[in-house]
Amino acid sequence: MDSYNSPTTKPLFKGTQIVWFLLWFIETMLIFRFVFKLMGANSGAWFTDFIYTVTWPFVAPFLAVFPIGIARENVFDWTALLAMAVYWIVALAIIKFFLMSKTVSTREAAAGLDDQQ
């Protein structure tokens, strides 16, 4: 069976698209958070507050890892950077897991095993 015509190919493609989109969204929000904290953005502003609220669940698991570096009102948010790295690695792991379930031909499997040696 040709792996490109497998009934699992389209769902795997859609699944990886969803993971990439979620990663893009989370990373974009965390970049905004990092830049806003670094530049000392007004936390009372609607958009700034929105970004901090949306990103809070994503940075909360990492809050105790690094001390907060504050210079005047500017904050170097190591937590946001760590969260970005962790979510990137998790997304890549999920995509690799999805791709492991992809149907492959005997020829593709043999070539893959040869590449692993």
N, C-alpha and C. Protein backbone atom coordinates (compact mmCIF):
# COMPACT_ATOMS: atom_id res chain seq x y z
N MET A 1 0.84 -1.19 0.00
CA MET A 1 0.00 0.00 0.00
C MET A 1 0.88 1.24 0.00
N ASP A 2 0.58 2.16 -0.85
CA ASP A 2 1.29 3.43 -0.93
C ASP A 2 0.93 4.27 0.29
N SER A 3 1.94 4.73 1.03
CA SER A 3 1.67 5.48 2.27
C SER A 3 0.95 6.80 2.01
N TYR A 4 1.06 7.35 0.79
CA TYR A 4 0.39 8.61 0.48
C TYR A 4 -1.11 8.42 0.27
N ASN A 5 -1.51 7.20 -0.06
CA ASN A 5 -2.93 6.93 -0.28
C ASN A 5 -3.57 6.24 0.92
N SER A 6 -2.87 6.20 2.02
CA SER A 6 -3.38 5.56 3.23
C SER A 6 -4.55 6.37 3.81
N PRO A 7 -5.55 5.68 4.39
CA PRO A 7 -6.66 6.42 5.01
C PRO A 7 -6.24 7.21 6.25
N THR A 8 -5.04 6.97 6.77
CA THR A 8 -4.58 7.72 7.95
C THR A 8 -3.83 8.99 7.60
N THR A 9 -3.49 9.18 6.32
CA THR A 9 -2.66 10.32 5.93
C THR A 9 -3.35 11.66 6.18
N LYS A 10 -4.60 11.81 5.74
CA LYS A 10 -5.30 13.10 5.91
C LYS A 10 -5.53 13.45 7.38
N PRO A 11 -6.01 12.49 8.21
CA PRO A 11 -6.17 12.85 9.63
C PRO A 11 -4.85 13.22 10.31
N LEU A 12 -3.77 12.52 9.94
CA LEU A 12 -2.46 12.87 10.52
C LEU A 12 -2.03 14.26 10.09
N PHE A 13 -2.27 14.60 8.83
CA PHE A 13 -1.93 15.93 8.33
C PHE A 13 -2.74 16.98 9.07
N LYS A 14 -4.03 16.76 9.23
CA LYS A 14 -4.88 17.73 9.96
C LYS A 14 -4.43 17.84 11.42
N GLY A 15 -4.10 16.71 12.02
CA GLY A 15 -3.64 16.73 13.41
C GLY A 15 -2.37 17.54 13.57
N THR A 16 -1.43 17.37 12.65
CA THR A 16 -0.19 18.14 12.74
C THR A 16 -0.46 19.62 12.47
N GLN A 17 -1.39 19.92 11.55
CA GLN A 17 -1.76 21.33 11.32
C GLN A 17 -2.33 21.97 12.58
N ILE A 18 -3.16 21.23 13.30
CA ILE A 18 -3.75 21.76 14.54
C ILE A 18 -2.67 22.02 15.58
N VAL A 19 -1.73 21.08 15.72
CA VAL A 19 -0.65 21.25 16.70
C VAL A 19 0.20 22.47 16.33
N TRP A 20 0.55 22.61 15.05
CA TRP A 20 1.34 23.77 14.63
C TRP A 20 0.60 25.07 14.87
N PHE A 21 -0.72 25.10 14.60
CA PHE A 21 -1.49 26.32 14.84
C PHE A 21 -1.51 26.67 16.33
N LEU A 22 -1.78 25.67 17.18
CA LEU A 22 -1.80 25.93 18.63
C LEU A 22 -0.45 26.42 19.12
N LEU A 23 0.61 25.81 18.62
CA LEU A 23 1.95 26.26 19.00
C LEU A 23 2.17 27.70 18.56
N TRP A 24 1.79 28.01 17.31
CA TRP A 24 1.95 29.37 16.81
C TRP A 24 1.19 30.36 17.69
N PHE A 25 -0.03 30.03 18.06
CA PHE A 25 -0.84 30.92 18.89
C PHE A 25 -0.20 31.14 20.26
N ILE A 26 0.17 30.05 20.92
CA ILE A 26 0.77 30.14 22.25
C ILE A 26 2.08 30.91 22.20
N GLU A 27 2.94 30.58 21.24
CA GLU A 27 4.23 31.26 21.12
C GLU A 27 4.04 32.76 20.85
N THR A 28 3.09 33.11 19.99
CA THR A 28 2.84 34.52 19.69
C THR A 28 2.38 35.27 20.94
N MET A 29 1.47 34.68 21.69
CA MET A 29 1.00 35.33 22.92
C MET A 29 2.14 35.48 23.93
N LEU A 30 2.99 34.44 24.04
CA LEU A 30 4.11 34.51 24.98
C LEU A 30 5.16 35.53 24.53
N ILE A 31 5.35 35.70 23.23
CA ILE A 31 6.27 36.74 22.74
C ILE A 31 5.74 38.12 23.12
N PHE A 32 4.43 38.33 22.91
CA PHE A 32 3.84 39.61 23.33
C PHE A 32 4.07 39.82 24.83
N ARG A 33 3.82 38.80 25.65
CA ARG A 33 4.01 38.91 27.09
C ARG A 33 5.44 39.30 27.42
N PHE A 34 6.39 38.59 26.80
CA PHE A 34 7.80 38.85 27.06
C PHE A 34 8.16 40.29 26.71
N VAL A 35 7.77 40.74 25.53
CA VAL A 35 8.10 42.10 25.08
C VAL A 35 7.41 43.15 25.95
N PHE A 36 6.15 42.93 26.28
CA PHE A 36 5.43 43.88 27.13
C PHE A 36 6.11 44.01 28.49
N LYS A 37 6.49 42.88 29.09
CA LYS A 37 7.16 42.93 30.40
C LYS A 37 8.52 43.62 30.28
N LEU A 38 9.24 43.28 29.21
CA LEU A 38 10.57 43.85 29.02
C LEU A 38 10.52 45.36 28.81
N MET A 39 9.51 45.82 28.10
CA MET A 39 9.40 47.24 27.79
C MET A 39 8.63 48.01 28.85
N GLY A 40 8.16 47.33 29.90
CA GLY A 40 7.43 48.01 30.97
C GLY A 40 6.07 48.50 30.54
N ALA A 41 5.35 47.71 29.76
CA ALA A 41 4.02 48.11 29.27
C ALA A 41 3.06 48.33 30.44
N ASN A 42 2.13 49.24 30.25
CA ASN A 42 1.13 49.56 31.26
C ASN A 42 0.19 48.36 31.43
N SER A 43 0.24 47.72 32.58
CA SER A 43 -0.61 46.55 32.81
C SER A 43 -2.08 46.91 32.96
N GLY A 44 -2.37 48.18 33.11
CA GLY A 44 -3.76 48.62 33.19
C GLY A 44 -4.41 48.80 31.83
N ALA A 45 -3.60 48.78 30.78
CA ALA A 45 -4.14 48.91 29.42
C ALA A 45 -4.89 47.63 29.07
N TRP A 46 -5.98 47.78 28.34
CA TRP A 46 -6.82 46.63 28.02
C TRP A 46 -6.05 45.53 27.31
N PHE A 47 -5.31 45.86 26.26
CA PHE A 47 -4.62 44.84 25.48
C PHE A 47 -3.53 44.15 26.29
N THR A 48 -2.79 44.92 27.07
CA THR A 48 -1.75 44.34 27.91
C THR A 48 -2.35 43.38 28.93
N ASP A 49 -3.42 43.81 29.57
CA ASP A 49 -4.10 42.95 30.53
C ASP A 49 -4.63 41.68 29.87
N PHE A 50 -5.16 41.82 28.66
CA PHE A 50 -5.65 40.66 27.91
C PHE A 50 -4.52 39.66 27.66
N ILE A 51 -3.37 40.15 27.22
CA ILE A 51 -2.23 39.27 26.94
C ILE A 51 -1.77 38.58 28.23
N TYR A 52 -1.67 39.32 29.32
CA TYR A 52 -1.24 38.72 30.59
C TYR A 52 -2.24 37.67 31.07
N THR A 53 -3.53 37.93 30.89
CA THR A 53 -4.56 36.98 31.32
C THR A 53 -4.53 35.71 30.46
N VAL A 54 -4.41 35.88 29.15
CA VAL A 54 -4.39 34.71 28.25
C VAL A 54 -3.15 33.86 28.48
N THR A 55 -2.02 34.49 28.74
CA THR A 55 -0.77 33.73 28.87
C THR A 55 -0.54 33.18 30.28
N TRP A 56 -1.28 33.65 31.25
CA TRP A 56 -1.08 33.20 32.63
C TRP A 56 -1.10 31.68 32.78
N PRO A 57 -2.09 30.97 32.22
CA PRO A 57 -2.08 29.51 32.39
C PRO A 57 -0.87 28.82 31.76
N PHE A 58 -0.27 29.46 30.76
CA PHE A 58 0.88 28.85 30.09
C PHE A 58 2.19 29.10 30.82
N VAL A 59 2.29 30.20 31.57
CA VAL A 59 3.53 30.48 32.30
C VAL A 59 3.45 30.03 33.76
N ALA A 60 2.26 29.84 34.28
CA ALA A 60 2.09 29.49 35.70
C ALA A 60 2.89 28.26 36.14
N PRO A 61 2.97 27.18 35.33
CA PRO A 61 3.75 26.02 35.79
C PRO A 61 5.24 26.30 35.94
N PHE A 62 5.73 27.39 35.38
CA PHE A 62 7.16 27.67 35.37
C PHE A 62 7.56 28.84 36.25
N LEU A 63 6.63 29.40 37.01
CA LEU A 63 6.89 30.63 37.76
C LEU A 63 8.01 30.50 38.79
N ALA A 64 8.16 29.35 39.41
CA ALA A 64 9.16 29.20 40.47
C ALA A 64 10.53 28.80 39.96
N VAL A 65 10.68 28.63 38.66
CA VAL A 65 11.95 28.14 38.12
C VAL A 65 13.05 29.20 38.17
N PHE A 66 12.74 30.42 37.75
CA PHE A 66 13.73 31.50 37.71
C PHE A 66 13.29 32.66 38.59
N PRO A 67 14.25 33.37 39.18
CA PRO A 67 13.87 34.59 39.88
C PRO A 67 13.48 35.66 38.86
N ILE A 68 12.67 36.59 39.29
CA ILE A 68 12.23 37.66 38.41
C ILE A 68 13.29 38.75 38.39
N GLY A 69 13.76 39.09 37.20
CA GLY A 69 14.77 40.13 37.04
C GLY A 69 14.09 41.46 36.74
N ILE A 70 14.14 42.40 37.69
CA ILE A 70 13.45 43.68 37.52
C ILE A 70 14.47 44.82 37.51
N ALA A 71 14.36 45.66 36.52
CA ALA A 71 15.14 46.90 36.44
C ALA A 71 14.14 48.02 36.21
N ARG A 72 13.87 48.79 37.26
CA ARG A 72 12.81 49.81 37.26
C ARG A 72 11.48 49.12 37.01
N GLU A 73 10.75 49.50 35.96
CA GLU A 73 9.48 48.82 35.68
C GLU A 73 9.64 47.72 34.64
N ASN A 74 10.84 47.57 34.13
CA ASN A 74 11.08 46.58 33.09
C ASN A 74 11.41 45.22 33.73
N VAL A 75 10.80 44.17 33.19
CA VAL A 75 10.97 42.83 33.74
C VAL A 75 11.49 41.92 32.63
N PHE A 76 12.61 41.25 32.89
CA PHE A 76 13.07 40.23 31.94
C PHE A 76 12.39 38.94 32.36
N ASP A 77 11.41 38.54 31.59
CA ASP A 77 10.53 37.41 31.95
C ASP A 77 11.11 36.08 31.48
N TRP A 78 12.03 35.54 32.28
CA TRP A 78 12.62 34.23 31.97
C TRP A 78 11.55 33.15 31.89
N THR A 79 10.49 33.31 32.68
CA THR A 79 9.42 32.33 32.71
C THR A 79 8.75 32.19 31.35
N ALA A 80 8.51 33.30 30.68
CA ALA A 80 7.90 33.25 29.35
C ALA A 80 8.83 32.56 28.36
N LEU A 81 10.13 32.85 28.45
CA LEU A 81 11.08 32.21 27.54
C LEU A 81 11.15 30.70 27.79
N LEU A 82 11.15 30.30 29.05
CA LEU A 82 11.15 28.88 29.38
C LEU A 82 9.88 28.21 28.88
N ALA A 83 8.74 28.84 29.09
CA ALA A 83 7.47 28.30 28.63
C ALA A 83 7.48 28.13 27.12
N MET A 84 8.02 29.11 26.40
CA MET A 84 8.08 29.01 24.94
C MET A 84 8.92 27.81 24.52
N ALA A 85 10.05 27.61 25.16
CA ALA A 85 10.92 26.47 24.81
C ALA A 85 10.23 25.14 25.11
N VAL A 86 9.60 25.05 26.29
CA VAL A 86 8.95 23.81 26.67
C VAL A 86 7.79 23.48 25.74
N TYR A 87 6.96 24.47 25.40
CA TYR A 87 5.83 24.20 24.52
C TYR A 87 6.29 23.86 23.11
N TRP A 88 7.40 24.43 22.66
CA TRP A 88 7.96 24.08 21.36
C TRP A 88 8.37 22.60 21.36
N ILE A 89 9.07 22.17 22.42
CA ILE A 89 9.52 20.78 22.52
C ILE A 89 8.32 19.83 22.61
N VAL A 90 7.32 20.20 23.39
CA VAL A 90 6.11 19.37 23.52
C VAL A 90 5.40 19.25 22.18
N ALA A 91 5.28 20.34 21.44
CA ALA A 91 4.62 20.29 20.13
C ALA A 91 5.39 19.39 19.18
N LEU A 92 6.71 19.50 19.16
CA LEU A 92 7.51 18.63 18.30
C LEU A 92 7.34 17.16 18.68
N ALA A 93 7.28 16.88 19.98
CA ALA A 93 7.09 15.51 20.43
C ALA A 93 5.72 14.97 20.01
N ILE A 94 4.70 15.79 20.12
CA ILE A 94 3.35 15.37 19.69
C ILE A 94 3.33 15.08 18.19
N ILE A 95 3.95 15.95 17.41
CA ILE A 95 3.98 15.74 15.96
C ILE A 95 4.77 14.47 15.62
N LYS A 96 5.90 14.25 16.27
CA LYS A 96 6.66 13.02 16.04
C LYS A 96 5.82 11.80 16.40
N PHE A 97 5.06 11.88 17.49
CA PHE A 97 4.19 10.78 17.88
C PHE A 97 3.13 10.53 16.81
N PHE A 98 2.52 11.60 16.30
CA PHE A 98 1.54 11.47 15.21
C PHE A 98 2.17 10.77 14.01
N LEU A 99 3.37 11.21 13.65
CA LEU A 99 4.01 10.67 12.46
C LEU A 99 4.45 9.22 12.63
N MET A 100 4.65 8.78 13.86
CA MET A 100 4.99 7.38 14.08
C MET A 100 3.84 6.45 13.71
N SER A 101 2.61 6.96 13.76
CA SER A 101 1.47 6.13 13.43
C SER A 101 1.13 6.15 11.94
N LYS A 102 1.93 6.87 11.16
CA LYS A 102 1.71 6.95 9.71
C LYS A 102 1.97 5.59 9.08
N THR A 103 1.12 5.19 8.15
CA THR A 103 1.30 3.95 7.43
C THR A 103 2.50 4.10 6.50
N VAL A 104 3.37 3.09 6.51
CA VAL A 104 4.54 3.11 5.63
C VAL A 104 4.61 1.80 4.86
N SER A 105 5.21 1.87 3.69
CA SER A 105 5.42 0.66 2.91
C SER A 105 6.62 -0.10 3.47
N THR A 106 6.78 -1.32 3.05
CA THR A 106 7.91 -2.12 3.50
C THR A 106 9.22 -1.46 3.08
N ARG A 107 9.25 -0.89 1.89
CA ARG A 107 10.45 -0.22 1.39
C ARG A 107 10.79 0.99 2.28
N GLU A 108 9.77 1.79 2.62
CA GLU A 108 9.99 2.96 3.49
C GLU A 108 10.46 2.54 4.87
N ALA A 109 9.89 1.46 5.40
CA ALA A 109 10.28 0.97 6.72
C ALA A 109 11.73 0.49 6.70
N ALA A 110 12.11 -0.22 5.64
CA ALA A 110 13.49 -0.71 5.54
C ALA A 110 14.47 0.46 5.43
N ALA A 111 14.12 1.46 4.63
CA ALA A 111 14.98 2.63 4.48
C ALA A 111 15.10 3.38 5.81
N GLY A 112 13.99 3.48 6.54
CA GLY A 112 14.02 4.15 7.84
C GLY A 112 14.89 3.41 8.85
N LEU A 113 14.82 2.09 8.83
CA LEU A 113 15.66 1.31 9.73
C LEU A 113 17.13 1.45 9.36
N ASP A 114 17.41 1.48 8.06
CA ASP A 114 18.81 1.67 7.63
C ASP A 114 19.33 3.02 8.09
N ASP A 115 18.49 4.06 8.03
CA ASP A 115 18.89 5.41 8.46
C ASP A 115 19.17 5.47 9.95
N GLN A 116 18.52 4.61 10.73
CA GLN A 116 18.69 4.63 12.19
C GLN A 116 19.98 3.94 12.62
N GLN A 117 20.59 3.17 11.74
CA GLN A 117 21.82 2.45 12.12
C GLN A 117 23.03 3.29 12.06
